[in-house]
Protein backbone atom coordinates (compact mmCIF):
# COMPACT_ATOMS: atom_id res chain seq x y z
CA MET A 1 -0.02 -0.02 0.02
CA LYS A 2 1.47 3.34 -1.06
CA ARG A 3 -0.29 5.74 1.29
CA LYS A 4 -2.23 5.57 4.49
CA SER A 5 -4.95 7.63 2.86
CA GLU A 6 -5.82 4.50 0.80
CA ILE A 7 -6.92 2.55 3.87
CA LEU A 8 -10.60 3.19 3.26
CA LYS A 9 -10.30 1.98 -0.33
CA TYR A 10 -9.62 -1.55 0.83
CA LEU A 11 -12.00 -1.93 3.78
CA PRO A 12 -15.51 -3.35 3.62
CA ASP A 13 -18.25 -1.00 4.79
CA ASP A 14 -18.45 -2.48 8.31
CA ASP A 15 -14.70 -2.12 8.80
CA LYS A 16 -14.80 1.44 7.47
CA LEU A 17 -17.14 2.39 10.30
CA LEU A 18 -15.00 0.61 12.86
CA PHE A 19 -11.84 2.24 11.48
CA LEU A 20 -13.31 5.75 11.60
CA SER A 21 -14.59 5.17 15.12
CA GLU A 22 -11.17 3.95 16.31
CA LEU A 23 -9.46 6.83 14.55
CA LEU A 24 -11.71 9.38 16.28
CA ASP A 25 -10.90 7.74 19.63
CA ALA A 26 -7.22 7.92 18.78
CA ILE A 27 -7.56 11.57 17.88
CA ASN A 28 -9.26 12.33 21.22
CA ILE A 29 -6.51 10.44 23.08
CA SER A 30 -3.84 12.29 21.13
CA ARG A 31 -5.36 15.62 21.96
CA LYS A 32 -5.45 14.77 25.65
CA GLU A 33 -1.86 13.44 25.65
CA GLY A 34 -0.38 16.00 23.30
CA SER A 35 1.13 13.22 21.18
CA PHE A 36 0.39 11.71 17.78
CA LEU A 37 1.29 8.21 18.98
CA SER A 38 -2.30 6.99 19.31
CA ILE A 39 -3.15 8.15 15.84
CA ASP A 40 -0.02 6.57 14.37
CA GLU A 41 -0.68 3.27 16.08
CA CYS A 42 -4.33 3.24 14.86
CA LEU A 43 -3.30 3.99 11.27
CA SER A 44 -0.53 1.34 11.35
CA ALA A 45 -2.91 -1.34 12.59
CA TRP A 46 -5.56 -0.53 10.01
CA GLU A 47 -2.99 -0.15 7.24
CA ALA A 48 -2.01 -3.79 7.84
CA THR A 49 -5.61 -4.84 7.47
CA ALA A 50 -6.08 -2.78 4.32
CA GLU A 51 -2.86 -4.22 2.90
CA LEU A 52 -4.13 -7.75 3.44
CA ASN A 53 -7.41 -6.86 1.70
CA SER A 54 -5.60 -5.15 -1.24
CA VAL A 55 -4.12 -8.37 -2.60
CA PRO A 56 -6.86 -10.42 -4.32
CA GLY A 57 -7.41 -13.68 -2.53
CA LEU A 58 -4.79 -13.10 0.20
CA HIS A 59 -7.29 -12.41 2.96
CA ASP A 60 -9.02 -15.77 2.41
CA LYS A 61 -5.70 -17.63 2.23
CA VAL A 62 -4.43 -16.07 5.44
CA TRP A 63 -7.64 -16.88 7.34
CA ALA A 64 -7.72 -20.42 5.95
CA LYS A 65 -4.17 -20.93 7.22
CA TYR A 66 -5.07 -19.40 10.56
CA HIS A 67 -8.10 -21.69 11.03
CA LYS A 68 -6.00 -24.71 10.03
CA LEU A 69 -3.36 -23.80 12.62
CA LYS A 70 -6.05 -23.18 15.25
CA SER A 71 -7.81 -26.45 14.63
CA SER A 72 -4.52 -28.29 14.87
CA GLY A 73 -3.91 -26.80 18.29
CA LEU A 74 -0.94 -24.66 17.35
CA ILE A 75 -2.83 -21.42 18.02
CA HIS A 76 -4.71 -20.84 21.26
CA GLU A 77 -6.93 -17.91 21.96
């Protein structure tokens, strides 16, 4: 992904609302703390999600692998 401003382009509608809500929370925290750290962390986390969605088929492959590892007992939640 080239720019963080492309995050919304690769999110489904439900995730867009969640992203914007989390970003607003991060902005409020940043204002209180006088630091951009919360905003940067929010954008970085969502950028990773958008990047995963930007490659056709990658999202499904990653989740299939995750579920396989979880069902084998290698991943515990």
